[in-house]
């Protein structure tokens, strides 16, 4: 069974699933990408002044760090 939900039920109520958040961020480094629905839907025209900007910037940094830490150059080729 595959669950694609960011919230899970617990005895305390609903909680956010870190695994799903981490997978969404990781998957954005492959063939997906991260976008802001506030910008896409025209609710905001720029990030400046948005209360979520700090979090979004942190997510972008996590993506960059993940790519850097998991991308390994195995060999270099020179065709000269």
N, C-alpha and C. Protein backbone atom coordinates (compact mmCIF):
# COMPACT_ATOMS: atom_id res chain seq x y z
N UNK A 1 0.84 -1.18 0.00
CA UNK A 1 0.00 0.00 0.00
C UNK A 1 0.89 1.25 0.00
N UNK A 2 0.63 2.15 -0.91
CA UNK A 2 1.38 3.40 -0.99
C UNK A 2 0.48 4.53 -0.51
N UNK A 3 0.98 5.28 0.47
CA UNK A 3 0.24 6.44 0.96
C UNK A 3 0.94 7.69 0.48
N UNK A 4 0.17 8.60 -0.04
CA UNK A 4 0.72 9.85 -0.53
C UNK A 4 0.07 11.01 0.21
N UNK A 5 0.08 10.92 1.53
CA UNK A 5 -0.55 11.94 2.36
C UNK A 5 0.49 12.58 3.25
N UNK A 6 0.40 13.87 3.40
CA UNK A 6 1.37 14.59 4.23
C UNK A 6 0.96 14.59 5.69
N UNK A 7 -0.32 14.30 5.97
CA UNK A 7 -0.79 14.22 7.35
C UNK A 7 -1.16 12.78 7.67
N UNK A 8 -0.86 12.40 8.90
CA UNK A 8 -1.24 11.07 9.37
C UNK A 8 -1.99 11.23 10.69
N UNK A 9 -2.84 10.30 10.96
CA UNK A 9 -3.58 10.34 12.21
C UNK A 9 -2.76 9.72 13.33
N UNK A 10 -2.91 10.25 14.51
CA UNK A 10 -2.26 9.68 15.69
C UNK A 10 -3.23 9.81 16.86
N UNK A 11 -2.82 9.30 18.00
CA UNK A 11 -3.68 9.39 19.18
C UNK A 11 -3.89 10.83 19.61
N UNK A 12 -2.91 11.70 19.32
CA UNK A 12 -2.99 13.10 19.69
C UNK A 12 -3.77 13.93 18.67
N UNK A 13 -4.09 13.35 17.53
CA UNK A 13 -4.75 14.07 16.45
C UNK A 13 -3.91 13.93 15.18
N UNK A 14 -4.12 14.79 14.22
CA UNK A 14 -3.36 14.72 12.98
C UNK A 14 -1.97 15.34 13.17
N UNK A 15 -0.98 14.70 12.57
CA UNK A 15 0.39 15.19 12.61
C UNK A 15 0.97 15.15 11.20
N UNK A 16 1.99 15.93 10.95
CA UNK A 16 2.63 15.93 9.65
C UNK A 16 3.67 14.82 9.59
N UNK A 17 3.71 14.12 8.48
CA UNK A 17 4.62 13.00 8.26
C UNK A 17 5.93 13.53 7.66
N UNK A 18 7.00 13.50 8.44
CA UNK A 18 8.29 14.00 7.97
C UNK A 18 8.78 13.22 6.75
N UNK A 19 8.46 11.92 6.70
CA UNK A 19 8.88 11.10 5.56
C UNK A 19 8.29 11.64 4.26
N UNK A 20 7.00 11.97 4.28
CA UNK A 20 6.35 12.48 3.07
C UNK A 20 6.91 13.85 2.68
N UNK A 21 7.19 14.69 3.67
CA UNK A 21 7.78 15.99 3.38
C UNK A 21 9.17 15.80 2.78
N UNK A 22 9.97 14.91 3.38
CA UNK A 22 11.32 14.64 2.88
C UNK A 22 11.28 14.05 1.47
N UNK A 23 10.35 13.13 1.22
CA UNK A 23 10.23 12.54 -0.12
C UNK A 23 9.82 13.58 -1.16
N UNK A 24 8.93 14.48 -0.78
CA UNK A 24 8.52 15.53 -1.72
C UNK A 24 9.70 16.42 -2.08
N UNK A 25 10.51 16.77 -1.08
CA UNK A 25 11.68 17.60 -1.35
C UNK A 25 12.69 16.82 -2.19
N UNK A 26 12.95 15.56 -1.83
CA UNK A 26 13.89 14.75 -2.60
C UNK A 26 13.41 14.55 -4.04
N UNK A 27 12.13 14.25 -4.21
CA UNK A 27 11.61 14.00 -5.56
C UNK A 27 11.69 15.25 -6.43
N UNK A 28 11.67 16.42 -5.81
CA UNK A 28 11.78 17.65 -6.60
C UNK A 28 13.15 17.78 -7.24
N UNK A 29 14.13 17.01 -6.76
CA UNK A 29 15.48 17.09 -7.34
C UNK A 29 15.63 16.18 -8.55
N UNK A 30 14.65 15.33 -8.80
CA UNK A 30 14.71 14.45 -9.96
C UNK A 30 13.97 15.10 -11.13
N UNK A 31 12.80 14.61 -11.44
CA UNK A 31 12.08 15.14 -12.60
C UNK A 31 11.01 16.15 -12.22
N UNK A 32 10.80 16.34 -10.93
CA UNK A 32 9.81 17.30 -10.47
C UNK A 32 10.49 18.62 -10.15
N UNK A 33 9.72 19.58 -9.72
CA UNK A 33 10.29 20.84 -9.27
C UNK A 33 9.41 21.43 -8.18
N UNK A 34 9.96 22.40 -7.47
CA UNK A 34 9.21 23.08 -6.42
C UNK A 34 8.71 24.41 -6.95
N UNK A 35 7.45 24.69 -6.71
CA UNK A 35 6.86 25.98 -7.08
C UNK A 35 5.96 26.43 -5.94
N UNK A 36 5.66 27.70 -5.93
CA UNK A 36 4.79 28.27 -4.91
C UNK A 36 3.41 28.51 -5.51
N UNK A 37 2.39 27.91 -4.91
CA UNK A 37 1.04 28.08 -5.43
C UNK A 37 0.54 29.51 -5.23
N UNK A 38 1.09 30.22 -4.25
CA UNK A 38 0.69 31.62 -4.06
C UNK A 38 1.11 32.46 -5.26
N UNK A 39 2.29 32.18 -5.81
CA UNK A 39 2.76 32.88 -7.01
C UNK A 39 2.04 32.36 -8.25
N UNK A 40 1.92 31.04 -8.35
CA UNK A 40 1.30 30.42 -9.52
C UNK A 40 -0.16 30.84 -9.68
N UNK A 41 -0.87 30.97 -8.57
CA UNK A 41 -2.29 31.34 -8.62
C UNK A 41 -2.51 32.84 -8.65
N UNK A 42 -1.43 33.61 -8.66
CA UNK A 42 -1.54 35.06 -8.74
C UNK A 42 -1.96 35.73 -7.43
N UNK A 43 -1.92 35.00 -6.34
CA UNK A 43 -2.27 35.59 -5.05
C UNK A 43 -1.18 36.57 -4.63
N UNK A 44 0.07 36.20 -4.88
CA UNK A 44 1.21 37.09 -4.67
C UNK A 44 1.92 37.29 -5.99
N UNK A 45 2.55 38.44 -6.17
CA UNK A 45 3.32 38.64 -7.40
C UNK A 45 4.82 38.54 -7.15
N UNK A 46 5.24 38.48 -5.87
CA UNK A 46 6.65 38.28 -5.53
C UNK A 46 6.74 37.72 -4.12
N UNK A 47 7.88 37.19 -3.78
CA UNK A 47 8.08 36.57 -2.47
C UNK A 47 8.35 37.60 -1.37
N UNK A 48 8.86 38.74 -1.75
CA UNK A 48 9.22 39.76 -0.77
C UNK A 48 7.99 40.13 0.06
N UNK A 49 8.13 40.04 1.36
CA UNK A 49 7.02 40.37 2.25
C UNK A 49 6.14 39.18 2.62
N UNK A 50 6.33 38.06 1.98
CA UNK A 50 5.53 36.87 2.30
C UNK A 50 6.02 36.29 3.62
N UNK A 51 5.11 35.92 4.49
CA UNK A 51 5.49 35.37 5.79
C UNK A 51 6.11 33.97 5.67
N UNK A 52 5.96 33.33 4.53
CA UNK A 52 6.54 32.00 4.32
C UNK A 52 7.91 32.04 3.65
N UNK A 53 8.38 33.22 3.29
CA UNK A 53 9.65 33.35 2.55
C UNK A 53 10.81 32.67 3.27
N UNK A 54 10.91 32.85 4.58
CA UNK A 54 11.99 32.25 5.34
C UNK A 54 11.97 30.73 5.21
N UNK A 55 10.78 30.14 5.30
CA UNK A 55 10.64 28.68 5.19
C UNK A 55 10.97 28.23 3.77
N UNK A 56 10.46 28.95 2.77
CA UNK A 56 10.74 28.60 1.37
C UNK A 56 12.23 28.68 1.06
N UNK A 57 12.89 29.72 1.57
CA UNK A 57 14.34 29.84 1.38
C UNK A 57 15.06 28.66 2.03
N UNK A 58 14.59 28.24 3.19
CA UNK A 58 15.18 27.08 3.87
C UNK A 58 14.98 25.81 3.08
N UNK A 59 13.81 25.64 2.48
CA UNK A 59 13.55 24.46 1.65
C UNK A 59 14.48 24.46 0.45
N UNK A 60 14.65 25.62 -0.19
CA UNK A 60 15.57 25.71 -1.32
C UNK A 60 16.98 25.34 -0.91
N UNK A 61 17.40 25.74 0.30
CA UNK A 61 18.74 25.41 0.79
C UNK A 61 18.86 23.91 1.05
N UNK A 62 17.80 23.31 1.60
CA UNK A 62 17.79 21.87 1.84
C UNK A 62 17.94 21.12 0.52
N UNK A 63 17.23 21.57 -0.52
CA UNK A 63 17.33 20.95 -1.85
C UNK A 63 18.76 21.05 -2.36
N UNK A 64 19.35 22.24 -2.28
CA UNK A 64 20.73 22.42 -2.75
C UNK A 64 21.69 21.54 -1.97
N UNK A 65 21.54 21.48 -0.66
CA UNK A 65 22.41 20.65 0.17
C UNK A 65 22.24 19.17 -0.17
N UNK A 66 21.00 18.74 -0.38
CA UNK A 66 20.74 17.35 -0.72
C UNK A 66 21.41 16.97 -2.03
N UNK A 67 21.27 17.82 -3.03
CA UNK A 67 21.89 17.54 -4.33
C UNK A 67 23.40 17.48 -4.19
N UNK A 68 23.96 18.42 -3.45
CA UNK A 68 25.41 18.45 -3.26
C UNK A 68 25.92 17.20 -2.54
N UNK A 69 25.21 16.78 -1.52
CA UNK A 69 25.65 15.63 -0.71
C UNK A 69 25.40 14.29 -1.39
N UNK A 70 24.46 14.22 -2.31
CA UNK A 70 24.12 12.93 -2.92
C UNK A 70 24.58 12.80 -4.35
N UNK A 71 25.19 13.85 -4.89
CA UNK A 71 25.68 13.78 -6.26
C UNK A 71 27.18 13.55 -6.21
N UNK A 72 27.61 12.48 -6.83
CA UNK A 72 29.01 12.13 -6.81
C UNK A 72 29.50 11.97 -8.24
N UNK A 73 30.60 12.64 -8.55
CA UNK A 73 31.22 12.48 -9.86
C UNK A 73 32.03 11.19 -9.81
N UNK A 74 31.71 10.24 -10.69
CA UNK A 74 32.37 8.96 -10.68
C UNK A 74 33.60 8.96 -11.57
N UNK A 75 33.51 9.69 -12.68
CA UNK A 75 34.62 9.72 -13.61
C UNK A 75 34.51 10.95 -14.49
N UNK A 76 35.63 11.47 -14.91
CA UNK A 76 35.68 12.56 -15.87
C UNK A 76 36.24 12.04 -17.17
N UNK A 77 35.69 12.50 -18.27
CA UNK A 77 36.15 12.06 -19.58
C UNK A 77 36.75 13.24 -20.33
N UNK A 78 37.80 12.97 -21.05
CA UNK A 78 38.44 13.97 -21.89
C UNK A 78 38.55 13.38 -23.29
N UNK A 79 37.93 14.03 -24.28
CA UNK A 79 37.89 13.51 -25.63
C UNK A 79 38.91 14.17 -26.56
N UNK A 80 39.97 14.67 -26.01
CA UNK A 80 40.98 15.32 -26.86
C UNK A 80 41.99 14.33 -27.35
